[in-house]
Amino acid sequence: MTFQGQKIIIVGGTSGIGKAVARSILKAGGIAVIVGSRQPKLDQAITELSKYGKVLGELANIADREQTKDLIERIDTNHRDATLL
């Protein structure tokens, strides 16, 4: 599968399955936007995943309604070109 030219948003992309999905997308030519709830872990994941391709990060705890609302607004503004979530 190829993700060439696609931007994919991965909620929980800083660890576990989400991080593995982000890595696979990057290796397949896509751009990964990872969402994480803790800044240090988000920064670490961006640094680690950057060796595979272009990765961007968004900080939000999706269990918090206000942070989720803000995240949706940022995605709508900054990542309108995303093709998958």
N, C-alpha and C. Protein backbone atom coordinates (compact mmCIF):
# COMPACT_ATOMS: atom_id res chain seq x y z
N MET A 1 0.84 -1.17 0.00
CA MET A 1 0.00 0.00 0.00
C MET A 1 0.89 1.24 0.00
N THR A 2 0.48 2.24 -0.74
CA THR A 2 1.22 3.48 -0.79
C THR A 2 0.37 4.63 -0.23
N PHE A 3 1.00 5.51 0.46
CA PHE A 3 0.34 6.70 0.97
C PHE A 3 0.98 7.95 0.38
N GLN A 4 1.68 7.79 -0.73
CA GLN A 4 2.39 8.89 -1.38
C GLN A 4 1.44 10.07 -1.59
N GLY A 5 1.85 11.24 -1.09
CA GLY A 5 1.08 12.45 -1.27
C GLY A 5 -0.12 12.59 -0.35
N GLN A 6 -0.29 11.68 0.59
CA GLN A 6 -1.43 11.76 1.50
C GLN A 6 -0.98 12.18 2.90
N LYS A 7 -1.82 12.93 3.56
CA LYS A 7 -1.58 13.31 4.96
C LYS A 7 -2.59 12.56 5.81
N ILE A 8 -2.09 11.84 6.80
CA ILE A 8 -2.93 11.02 7.66
C ILE A 8 -2.79 11.48 9.10
N ILE A 9 -3.91 11.63 9.78
CA ILE A 9 -3.93 12.02 11.19
C ILE A 9 -4.06 10.76 12.03
N ILE A 10 -3.14 10.59 13.00
CA ILE A 10 -3.14 9.42 13.86
C ILE A 10 -3.30 9.86 15.31
N VAL A 11 -4.47 9.63 15.86
CA VAL A 11 -4.71 9.92 17.27
C VAL A 11 -4.04 8.83 18.09
N GLY A 12 -3.26 9.22 19.07
CA GLY A 12 -2.51 8.25 19.86
C GLY A 12 -1.25 7.79 19.14
N GLY A 13 -0.71 8.65 18.31
CA GLY A 13 0.44 8.28 17.49
C GLY A 13 1.78 8.39 18.19
N THR A 14 1.79 8.60 19.51
CA THR A 14 3.06 8.74 20.21
C THR A 14 3.58 7.44 20.80
N SER A 15 2.76 6.38 20.77
CA SER A 15 3.21 5.10 21.32
C SER A 15 2.38 3.96 20.76
N GLY A 16 2.84 2.76 21.03
CA GLY A 16 2.09 1.54 20.72
C GLY A 16 1.67 1.41 19.26
N ILE A 17 0.44 0.96 19.08
CA ILE A 17 -0.09 0.71 17.74
C ILE A 17 -0.14 2.00 16.92
N GLY A 18 -0.53 3.10 17.53
CA GLY A 18 -0.60 4.37 16.81
C GLY A 18 0.74 4.79 16.24
N LYS A 19 1.79 4.62 17.03
CA LYS A 19 3.14 4.96 16.58
C LYS A 19 3.58 4.02 15.46
N ALA A 20 3.24 2.75 15.57
CA ALA A 20 3.57 1.79 14.52
C ALA A 20 2.83 2.12 13.23
N VAL A 21 1.58 2.55 13.34
CA VAL A 21 0.81 2.96 12.16
C VAL A 21 1.47 4.18 11.53
N ALA A 22 1.85 5.15 12.34
CA ALA A 22 2.52 6.35 11.82
C ALA A 22 3.80 5.98 11.07
N ARG A 23 4.58 5.09 11.64
CA ARG A 23 5.83 4.65 11.01
C ARG A 23 5.53 4.00 9.65
N SER A 24 4.53 3.16 9.59
CA SER A 24 4.16 2.49 8.34
C SER A 24 3.72 3.49 7.29
N ILE A 25 2.94 4.47 7.69
CA ILE A 25 2.48 5.50 6.77
C ILE A 25 3.66 6.29 6.22
N LEU A 26 4.57 6.66 7.10
CA LEU A 26 5.75 7.41 6.67
C LEU A 26 6.61 6.59 5.71
N LYS A 27 6.81 5.32 6.02
CA LYS A 27 7.60 4.45 5.14
C LYS A 27 6.95 4.27 3.78
N ALA A 28 5.62 4.43 3.74
CA ALA A 28 4.88 4.27 2.49
C ALA A 28 4.69 5.60 1.77
N GLY A 29 5.42 6.64 2.20
CA GLY A 29 5.43 7.90 1.48
C GLY A 29 4.45 8.95 1.95
N GLY A 30 3.71 8.68 3.02
CA GLY A 30 2.74 9.64 3.51
C GLY A 30 3.31 10.62 4.50
N ILE A 31 2.51 11.58 4.87
CA ILE A 31 2.82 12.55 5.92
C ILE A 31 1.97 12.16 7.12
N ALA A 32 2.57 12.06 8.29
CA ALA A 32 1.85 11.67 9.50
C ALA A 32 1.67 12.87 10.41
N VAL A 33 0.46 13.07 10.85
CA VAL A 33 0.15 14.06 11.88
C VAL A 33 -0.24 13.26 13.11
N ILE A 34 0.66 13.24 14.10
CA ILE A 34 0.37 12.45 15.29
C ILE A 34 -0.20 13.35 16.39
N VAL A 35 -1.19 12.81 17.07
CA VAL A 35 -1.84 13.52 18.16
C VAL A 35 -1.46 12.81 19.45
N GLY A 36 -0.96 13.58 20.40
CA GLY A 36 -0.58 13.04 21.70
C GLY A 36 -1.00 13.98 22.82
N SER A 37 -1.09 13.43 24.02
CA SER A 37 -1.59 14.22 25.15
C SER A 37 -0.49 14.80 26.03
N ARG A 38 0.76 14.38 25.81
CA ARG A 38 1.86 14.89 26.65
C ARG A 38 2.98 15.41 25.75
N GLN A 39 3.36 16.66 25.95
CA GLN A 39 4.33 17.33 25.09
C GLN A 39 5.67 16.60 25.00
N PRO A 40 6.27 16.17 26.12
CA PRO A 40 7.56 15.49 26.00
C PRO A 40 7.48 14.22 25.15
N LYS A 41 6.42 13.45 25.34
CA LYS A 41 6.25 12.22 24.58
C LYS A 41 5.97 12.52 23.10
N LEU A 42 5.22 13.57 22.85
CA LEU A 42 4.94 14.00 21.47
C LEU A 42 6.23 14.42 20.78
N ASP A 43 7.03 15.22 21.46
CA ASP A 43 8.32 15.66 20.90
C ASP A 43 9.24 14.48 20.61
N GLN A 44 9.29 13.53 21.54
CA GLN A 44 10.13 12.35 21.37
C GLN A 44 9.68 11.53 20.16
N ALA A 45 8.38 11.34 20.02
CA ALA A 45 7.85 10.56 18.90
C ALA A 45 8.13 11.26 17.57
N ILE A 46 7.99 12.58 17.53
CA ILE A 46 8.27 13.33 16.30
C ILE A 46 9.73 13.15 15.92
N THR A 47 10.62 13.28 16.89
CA THR A 47 12.05 13.11 16.63
C THR A 47 12.34 11.71 16.09
N GLU A 48 11.80 10.70 16.75
CA GLU A 48 12.04 9.31 16.35
C GLU A 48 11.47 9.01 14.97
N LEU A 49 10.25 9.46 14.71
CA LEU A 49 9.58 9.13 13.45
C LEU A 49 10.10 9.95 12.27
N SER A 50 10.70 11.09 12.54
CA SER A 50 11.18 11.97 11.46
C SER A 50 12.19 11.31 10.54
N LYS A 51 12.87 10.29 11.01
CA LYS A 51 13.85 9.61 10.15
C LYS A 51 13.16 8.82 9.03
N TYR A 52 11.84 8.62 9.14
CA TYR A 52 11.10 7.88 8.13
C TYR A 52 10.36 8.78 7.14
N GLY A 53 10.20 10.07 7.49
CA GLY A 53 9.47 10.98 6.60
C GLY A 53 8.98 12.18 7.37
N LYS A 54 8.09 12.92 6.75
CA LYS A 54 7.57 14.16 7.34
C LYS A 54 6.50 13.82 8.38
N VAL A 55 6.74 14.26 9.59
CA VAL A 55 5.80 14.02 10.69
C VAL A 55 5.55 15.34 11.40
N LEU A 56 4.29 15.58 11.70
CA LEU A 56 3.86 16.77 12.41
C LEU A 56 3.15 16.34 13.68
N GLY A 57 3.06 17.22 14.65
CA GLY A 57 2.43 16.86 15.90
C GLY A 57 1.37 17.85 16.34
N GLU A 58 0.38 17.33 17.01
CA GLU A 58 -0.68 18.14 17.62
C GLU A 58 -0.86 17.65 19.05
N LEU A 59 -0.84 18.59 19.98
CA LEU A 59 -0.99 18.27 21.40
C LEU A 59 -2.45 18.41 21.80
N ALA A 60 -3.03 17.33 22.34
CA ALA A 60 -4.40 17.38 22.84
C ALA A 60 -4.70 16.11 23.62
N ASN A 61 -5.40 16.28 24.72
CA ASN A 61 -5.94 15.15 25.47
C ASN A 61 -7.38 15.01 25.02
N ILE A 62 -7.67 14.01 24.20
CA ILE A 62 -9.01 13.90 23.63
C ILE A 62 -10.07 13.50 24.65
N ALA A 63 -9.67 13.17 25.87
CA ALA A 63 -10.63 12.92 26.94
C ALA A 63 -11.20 14.23 27.49
N ASP A 64 -10.54 15.34 27.16
CA ASP A 64 -10.97 16.66 27.60
C ASP A 64 -11.74 17.32 26.46
N ARG A 65 -13.00 17.59 26.69
CA ARG A 65 -13.89 18.13 25.64
C ARG A 65 -13.35 19.43 25.03
N GLU A 66 -12.85 20.33 25.87
CA GLU A 66 -12.35 21.62 25.37
C GLU A 66 -11.09 21.42 24.51
N GLN A 67 -10.19 20.55 24.96
CA GLN A 67 -8.99 20.28 24.16
C GLN A 67 -9.35 19.61 22.83
N THR A 68 -10.36 18.75 22.86
CA THR A 68 -10.80 18.10 21.62
C THR A 68 -11.37 19.13 20.66
N LYS A 69 -12.15 20.05 21.18
CA LYS A 69 -12.72 21.13 20.34
C LYS A 69 -11.59 21.95 19.72
N ASP A 70 -10.60 22.31 20.52
CA ASP A 70 -9.46 23.08 20.00
C ASP A 70 -8.69 22.28 18.96
N LEU A 71 -8.52 20.99 19.19
CA LEU A 71 -7.82 20.12 18.24
C LEU A 71 -8.56 20.10 16.90
N ILE A 72 -9.85 19.95 16.94
CA ILE A 72 -10.64 19.92 15.70
C ILE A 72 -10.47 21.22 14.93
N GLU A 73 -10.47 22.34 15.63
CA GLU A 73 -10.26 23.64 14.98
C GLU A 73 -8.87 23.72 14.35
N ARG A 74 -7.84 23.24 15.06
CA ARG A 74 -6.48 23.26 14.50
C ARG A 74 -6.36 22.34 13.29
N ILE A 75 -6.99 21.19 13.37
CA ILE A 75 -6.95 20.27 12.23
C ILE A 75 -7.65 20.91 11.04
N ASP A 76 -8.79 21.54 11.29
CA ASP A 76 -9.52 22.20 10.20
C ASP A 76 -8.70 23.33 9.58
N THR A 77 -7.93 24.01 10.40
CA THR A 77 -7.10 25.12 9.91
C THR A 77 -5.80 24.66 9.28
N ASN A 78 -5.07 23.77 9.97
CA ASN A 78 -3.72 23.41 9.56
C ASN A 78 -3.61 22.13 8.74
N HIS A 79 -4.62 21.29 8.80
CA HIS A 79 -4.51 19.98 8.16
C HIS A 79 -5.75 19.64 7.33
N ARG A 80 -6.33 20.66 6.76
CA ARG A 80 -7.53 20.48 5.93
C ARG A 80 -7.26 19.51 4.78
N ASP A 81 -5.99 19.40 4.41
CA ASP A 81 -5.62 18.52 3.29
C ASP A 81 -5.43 17.06 3.71
N ALA A 82 -5.72 16.73 4.97
CA ALA A 82 -5.59 15.35 5.42
C ALA A 82 -6.60 14.47 4.67
N THR A 83 -6.15 13.27 4.32
CA THR A 83 -7.01 12.37 3.55
C THR A 83 -7.60 11.26 4.41
N LEU A 84 -6.97 10.96 5.54
CA LEU A 84 -7.46 9.89 6.41
C LEU A 84 -7.26 10.27 7.86
N LEU A 85 -8.07 9.65 8.73
CA LEU A 85 -7.95 9.82 10.18
C LEU A 85 -7.87 8.45 10.79
